[in-house]
C-alpha atoms as a PDB file:
ATOM      1  CA  MET A   1       5.106  29.928  -9.163  1.00  0.00           C
ATOM      2  CA  LEU A   2       3.392  27.684  -6.645  1.00  0.00           C
ATOM      3  CA  ASP A   3      -0.160  27.881  -5.427  1.00  0.00           C
ATOM      4  CA  SER A   4      -0.402  26.321  -1.996  1.00  0.00           C
ATOM      5  CA  ARG A   5      -4.177  26.650  -1.766  1.00  0.00           C
ATOM      6  CA  ARG A   6      -5.960  23.353  -1.365  1.00  0.00           C
ATOM      7  CA  SER A   7      -6.686  22.141  -4.845  1.00  0.00           C
ATOM      8  CA  VAL A   8      -9.943  20.509  -5.715  1.00  0.00           C
ATOM      9  CA  PRO A   9      -9.350  17.172  -7.401  1.00  0.00           C
ATOM     10  CA  ILE A  10     -11.214  16.805 -10.641  1.00  0.00           C
ATOM     11  CA  ALA A  11     -13.526  14.283 -12.158  1.00  0.00           C
ATOM     12  CA  VAL A  12     -13.257  13.914 -15.925  1.00  0.00           C
ATOM     13  CA  GLU A  13     -15.175  11.400 -17.984  1.00  0.00           C
ATOM     14  CA  THR A  14     -14.718  11.498 -21.748  1.00  0.00           C
ATOM     15  CA  PRO A  15     -15.737   8.571 -23.956  1.00  0.00           C
ATOM     16  CA  MET A  16     -13.283   7.573 -26.673  1.00  0.00           C
ATOM     17  CA  PRO A  17     -14.678   8.296 -30.130  1.00  0.00           C
ATOM     18  CA  HIS A  18     -14.373   4.661 -31.226  1.00  0.00           C
ATOM     19  CA  SER A  19     -15.321   2.948 -27.976  1.00  0.00           C
ATOM     20  CA  PRO A  20     -18.019   4.170 -25.589  1.00  0.00           C
ATOM     21  CA  SER A  21     -16.860   1.726 -22.906  1.00  0.00           C
ATOM     22  CA  HIS A  22     -13.403   3.299 -22.433  1.00  0.00           C
ATOM     23  CA  ARG A  23     -13.224   6.467 -20.359  1.00  0.00           C
ATOM     24  CA  THR A  24     -10.622   8.919 -19.255  1.00  0.00           C
ATOM     25  CA  ARG A  25     -11.177   9.064 -15.529  1.00  0.00           C
ATOM     26  CA  ILE A  26      -9.436  11.095 -12.928  1.00  0.00           C
ATOM     27  CA  VAL A  27     -11.818  11.084 -10.030  1.00  0.00           C
ATOM     28  CA  ARG A  28     -11.993  12.962  -6.773  1.00  0.00           C
ATOM     29  CA  ALA A  29     -10.873  11.047  -3.730  1.00  0.00           C
ATOM     30  CA  THR A  30     -11.290  12.199  -0.179  1.00  0.00           C
ATOM     31  CA  GLY A  31      -8.299  12.436   2.100  1.00  0.00           C
ATOM     32  CA  ARG A  32      -7.508   9.682   4.561  1.00  0.00           C
ATOM     33  CA  PRO A  33      -6.055   9.956   8.071  1.00  0.00           C
ATOM     34  CA  GLU A  34      -2.768   8.310   7.030  1.00  0.00           C
ATOM     35  CA  ASP A  35      -2.185  10.752   4.162  1.00  0.00           C
ATOM     36  CA  SER A  36      -0.417  13.271   6.389  1.00  0.00           C
ATOM     37  CA  VAL A  37       1.921  10.592   7.781  1.00  0.00           C
ATOM     38  CA  TRP A  38       2.959   9.363   4.331  1.00  0.00           C
ATOM     39  CA  MET A  39       3.287  12.932   3.068  1.00  0.00           C
ATOM     40  CA  GLU A  40       5.685  13.667   5.945  1.00  0.00           C
ATOM     41  CA  ARG A  41       7.895  10.871   4.602  1.00  0.00           C
ATOM     42  CA  ALA A  42       7.768  12.456   1.148  1.00  0.00           C
ATOM     43  CA  LEU A  43       8.606  15.841   2.704  1.00  0.00           C
ATOM     44  CA  ARG A  44      11.690  14.345   4.397  1.00  0.00           C
ATOM     45  CA  LEU A  45      12.854  13.064   1.006  1.00  0.00           C
ATOM     46  CA  ALA A  46      12.186  16.485  -0.503  1.00  0.00           C
ATOM     47  CA  ARG A  47      14.289  18.167   2.191  1.00  0.00           C
ATOM     48  CA  ALA A  48      17.150  15.767   1.438  1.00  0.00           C
ATOM     49  CA  ALA A  49      16.906  16.594  -2.285  1.00  0.00           C
ATOM     50  CA  GLY A  50      17.055  20.305  -1.493  1.00  0.00           C
ATOM     51  CA  ALA A  51      20.139  19.773   0.681  1.00  0.00           C
ATOM     52  CA  ARG A  52      21.820  18.120  -2.342  1.00  0.00           C
ATOM     53  CA  GLY A  53      20.956  21.114  -4.548  1.00  0.00           C
ATOM     54  CA  GLU A  54      18.095  19.378  -6.343  1.00  0.00           C
ATOM     55  CA  VAL A  55      14.594  20.878  -6.491  1.00  0.00           C
ATOM     56  CA  PRO A  56      13.021  19.649  -3.221  1.00  0.00           C
ATOM     57  CA  ILE A  57      10.389  17.154  -4.297  1.00  0.00           C
ATOM     58  CA  GLY A  58       9.883  13.770  -2.659  1.00  0.00           C
ATOM     59  CA  ALA A  59       7.671  10.784  -3.429  1.00  0.00           C
ATOM     60  CA  VAL A  60       6.617   7.584  -1.656  1.00  0.00           C
ATOM     61  CA  VAL A  61       4.752   4.602  -3.134  1.00  0.00           C
ATOM     62  CA  THR A  62       2.730   2.508  -0.700  1.00  0.00           C
ATOM     63  CA  THR A  63       0.538  -0.546  -0.612  1.00  0.00           C
ATOM     64  CA  GLY A  64      -1.466  -1.022   2.526  1.00  0.00           C
ATOM     65  CA  ASP A  65       0.697   0.129   5.391  1.00  0.00           C
ATOM     66  CA  ARG A  66       4.131  -0.371   3.838  1.00  0.00           C
ATOM     67  CA  THR A  67       6.435   1.578   1.564  1.00  0.00           C
ATOM     68  CA  ILE A  68       7.367  -0.259  -1.630  1.00  0.00           C
ATOM     69  CA  GLY A  69       9.342   2.574  -3.231  1.00  0.00           C
ATOM     70  CA  SER A  70      10.501   6.090  -2.530  1.00  0.00           C
ATOM     71  CA  GLY A  71      12.611   8.749  -4.143  1.00  0.00           C
ATOM     72  CA  SER A  72      13.444  12.380  -4.475  1.00  0.00           C
ATOM     73  CA  ASN A  73      14.339  14.621  -7.370  1.00  0.00           C
ATOM     74  CA  ARG A  74      17.757  13.788  -8.810  1.00  0.00           C
ATOM     75  CA  PRO A  75      17.989  14.927 -12.435  1.00  0.00           C
ATOM     76  CA  ILE A  76      21.174  16.914 -11.758  1.00  0.00           C
ATOM     77  CA  ALA A  77      23.025  14.142  -9.911  1.00  0.00           C
ATOM     78  CA  ALA A  78      21.816  11.437 -12.303  1.00  0.00           C
ATOM     79  CA  ARG A  79      22.305  13.609 -15.390  1.00  0.00           C
ATOM     80  CA  ASP A  80      18.853  12.380 -16.326  1.00  0.00           C
ATOM     81  CA  PRO A  81      15.972  14.732 -17.175  1.00  0.00           C
ATOM     82  CA  THR A  82      13.482  11.985 -16.292  1.00  0.00           C
ATOM     83  CA  ALA A  83      14.783  11.502 -12.732  1.00  0.00           C
ATOM     84  CA  HIS A  84      11.828  13.231 -11.116  1.00  0.00           C
ATOM     85  CA  ALA A  85      10.882  12.072  -7.624  1.00  0.00           C
ATOM     86  CA  GLU A  86       7.810  10.229  -8.913  1.00  0.00           C
ATOM     87  CA  ILE A  87       9.772   8.331 -11.567  1.00  0.00           C
ATOM     88  CA  VAL A  88      12.511   7.367  -9.111  1.00  0.00           C
ATOM     89  CA  ALA A  89       9.900   6.119  -6.601  1.00  0.00           C
ATOM     90  CA  LEU A  90       7.952   4.199  -9.268  1.00  0.00           C
ATOM     91  CA  ARG A  91      11.124   2.507 -10.560  1.00  0.00           C
ATOM     92  CA  ARG A  92      12.091   1.427  -7.047  1.00  0.00           C
ATOM     93  CA  ALA A  93       8.565   0.187  -6.327  1.00  0.00           C
ATOM     94  CA  ALA A  94       8.526  -1.838  -9.546  1.00  0.00           C
ATOM     95  CA  ARG A  95      11.888  -3.405  -8.675  1.00  0.00           C
ATOM     96  CA  SER A  96      10.807  -4.214  -5.119  1.00  0.00           C
ATOM     97  CA  THR A  97       7.566  -5.874  -6.247  1.00  0.00           C
ATOM     98  CA  GLY A  98       9.034  -7.519  -9.329  1.00  0.00           C
ATOM     99  CA  ASN A  99       6.285  -6.006 -11.481  1.00  0.00           C
ATOM    100  CA  TYR A 100       5.965  -2.782 -13.443  1.00  0.00           C
ATOM    101  CA  ARG A 101       2.226  -2.784 -12.709  1.00  0.00           C
ATOM    102  CA  LEU A 102       1.636  -1.286  -9.275  1.00  0.00           C
ATOM    103  CA  THR A 103      -2.111  -1.851  -9.338  1.00  0.00           C
ATOM    104  CA  GLY A 104      -3.844  -0.401  -6.332  1.00  0.00           C
ATOM    105  CA  ALA A 105      -0.755   1.315  -4.925  1.00  0.00           C
ATOM    106  CA  THR A 106      -0.819   4.910  -3.692  1.00  0.00           C
ATOM    107  CA  LEU A 107       1.747   7.494  -4.744  1.00  0.00           C
ATOM    108  CA  TYR A 108       2.391  10.415  -2.379  1.00  0.00           C
ATOM    109  CA  VAL A 109       4.308  13.343  -3.862  1.00  0.00           C
ATOM    110  CA  THR A 110       5.002  16.802  -2.498  1.00  0.00           C
ATOM    111  CA  LEU A 111       4.199  18.654  -5.753  1.00  0.00           C
ATOM    112  CA  GLU A 112       1.462  18.088  -8.312  1.00  0.00           C
ATOM    113  CA  PRO A 113       2.982  15.826 -11.013  1.00  0.00           C
ATOM    114  CA  CYS A 114       3.966  16.952 -14.498  1.00  0.00           C
ATOM    115  CA  LEU A 115       2.707  15.305 -17.680  1.00  0.00           C
ATOM    116  CA  MET A 116       5.685  12.960 -17.951  1.00  0.00           C
ATOM    117  CA  CYS A 117       5.098  11.705 -14.431  1.00  0.00           C
ATOM    118  CA  LEU A 118       1.356  11.315 -15.038  1.00  0.00           C
ATOM    119  CA  GLY A 119       2.147   9.042 -17.972  1.00  0.00           C
ATOM    120  CA  ALA A 120       4.324   6.849 -15.769  1.00  0.00           C
ATOM    121  CA  ILE A 121       1.678   6.867 -13.017  1.00  0.00           C
ATOM    122  CA  LEU A 122      -0.988   5.706 -15.467  1.00  0.00           C
ATOM    123  CA  HIS A 123       1.247   3.045 -17.079  1.00  0.00           C
ATOM    124  CA  ALA A 124       2.089   1.703 -13.623  1.00  0.00           C
ATOM    125  CA  ARG A 125      -1.654   1.532 -12.855  1.00  0.00           C
ATOM    126  CA  ILE A 126      -1.285   3.467  -9.612  1.00  0.00           C
ATOM    127  CA  GLY A 127      -4.699   3.453  -7.955  1.00  0.00           C
ATOM    128  CA  ARG A 128      -4.434   6.693  -6.018  1.00  0.00           C
ATOM    129  CA  LEU A 129      -2.342   9.851  -6.282  1.00  0.00           C
ATOM    130  CA  VAL A 130      -1.941  12.156  -3.283  1.00  0.00           C
ATOM    131  CA  TYR A 131      -0.038  15.380  -3.808  1.00  0.00           C
ATOM    132  CA  GLY A 132       0.874  18.375  -1.683  1.00  0.00           C
ATOM    133  CA  ALA A 133       1.255  21.750  -3.392  1.00  0.00           C
ATOM    134  CA  ARG A 134      -0.395  22.608  -6.685  1.00  0.00           C
ATOM    135  CA  ASP A 135       1.839  23.533  -9.599  1.00  0.00           C
ATOM    136  CA  PRO A 136      -0.248  25.807 -11.835  1.00  0.00           C
ATOM    137  CA  LYS A 137       2.570  26.045 -14.382  1.00  0.00           C
ATOM    138  CA  VAL A 138       2.919  22.363 -15.334  1.00  0.00           C
ATOM    139  CA  GLY A 139       0.708  20.477 -12.879  1.00  0.00           C
ATOM    140  CA  VAL A 140      -1.239  17.695 -14.533  1.00  0.00           C
ATOM    141  CA  VAL A 141      -4.513  17.914 -12.598  1.00  0.00           C
ATOM    142  CA  GLU A 142      -5.278  21.360 -13.981  1.00  0.00           C
ATOM    143  CA  TYR A 143      -4.100  20.301 -17.418  1.00  0.00           C
ATOM    144  CA  MET A 144      -6.509  17.361 -17.391  1.00  0.00           C
ATOM    145  CA  ARG A 145      -9.350  19.605 -16.262  1.00  0.00           C
ATOM    146  CA  ARG A 146      -8.772  22.039 -19.128  1.00  0.00           C
ATOM    147  CA  HIS A 147      -8.025  19.647 -21.982  1.00  0.00           C
ATOM    148  CA  ARG A 148      -9.928  16.460 -21.128  1.00  0.00           C
ATOM    149  CA  PRO A 149      -7.802  14.030 -23.126  1.00  0.00           C
ATOM    150  CA  VAL A 150      -9.360  10.864 -24.487  1.00  0.00           C
ATOM    151  CA  GLY A 151      -7.975   7.367 -24.698  1.00  0.00           C
ATOM    152  CA  LEU A 152      -6.844   6.580 -21.185  1.00  0.00           C
ATOM    153  CA  ASN A 153      -8.125   3.272 -19.884  1.00  0.00           C
ATOM    154  CA  HIS A 154      -7.251   3.583 -16.222  1.00  0.00           C
ATOM    155  CA  GLU A 155      -9.023   5.216 -13.313  1.00  0.00           C
ATOM    156  CA  LEU A 156      -6.843   7.304 -11.044  1.00  0.00           C
ATOM    157  CA  ARG A 157      -8.166   8.687  -7.775  1.00  0.00           C
ATOM    158  CA  VAL A 158      -6.571  12.005  -6.860  1.00  0.00           C
ATOM    159  CA  THR A 159      -6.368  13.882  -3.568  1.00  0.00           C
ATOM    160  CA  GLY A 160      -4.600  17.216  -3.641  1.00  0.00           C
ATOM    161  CA  GLY A 161      -3.530  19.716  -1.026  1.00  0.00           C
ATOM    162  CA  VAL A 162      -2.188  17.331   1.630  1.00  0.00           C
ATOM    163  CA  ARG A 163       0.469  19.286   3.583  1.00  0.00           C
ATOM    164  CA  ALA A 164       0.359  21.809   0.725  1.00  0.00           C
ATOM    165  CA  ASP A 165       1.715  24.693   2.802  1.00  0.00           C
ATOM    166  CA  ASP A 166       4.717  22.659   3.944  1.00  0.00           C
ATOM    167  CA  SER A 167       5.451  21.509   0.392  1.00  0.00           C
ATOM    168  CA  ALA A 168       5.097  24.982  -1.083  1.00  0.00           C
ATOM    169  CA  GLU A 169       7.291  26.535   1.625  1.00  0.00           C
ATOM    170  CA  LEU A 170      10.102  24.071   0.884  1.00  0.00           C
ATOM    171  CA  LEU A 171      10.035  25.082  -2.755  1.00  0.00           C
ATOM    172  CA  ARG A 172       9.763  28.817  -2.066  1.00  0.00           C
ATOM    173  CA  ALA A 173      12.722  28.702   0.331  1.00  0.00           C
ATOM    174  CA  PHE A 174      14.801  26.658  -2.116  1.00  0.00           C
ATOM    175  CA  PHE A 175      14.277  29.072  -5.002  1.00  0.00           C
ATOM    176  CA  HIS A 176      14.711  32.103  -2.746  1.00  0.00           C
ATOM    177  CA  ARG A 177      18.166  30.817  -1.723  1.00  0.00           C
ATOM    178  CA  ARG A 178      19.129  30.297  -5.364  1.00  0.00           C
ATOM    179  CA  ARG A 179      18.285  33.870  -6.381  1.00  0.00           C
END
């Protein structure tokens, strides 16, 4: 299910049919030294989710050197299909900043986000997405590469594969225990 190989972030530029100035842009971003530290925080949240019986995914939203929101998967406990780690972290970050726009913030998540989470990431105007393990089944980076949607008006820098092996192992162990 999971591919823990280092993914190659994509660059997609597609002009909108009615406006050549608007572009769909998901651009490659190189890793930074602090990425591993923040991803460790997301991994701790993922481990806690797994201990509660939730799929072990964790997310942390940062600006500069501080956390403004964090969360882990909780759709079972919350009885909410949208309670993915990314959504929980984005909601907490928006509350803590008093603004639903998180312009320039970085979101660290242990698994490549799904389409629902990408929508929230783009609406929040997250500046950079850093994820751990690839999810070839529903991961959004590969989806964007294949389908090149038009109409987005936000640039998102993406770095994939940070602590990918650790993230993938958490998920493998979780699903192995459930079988």
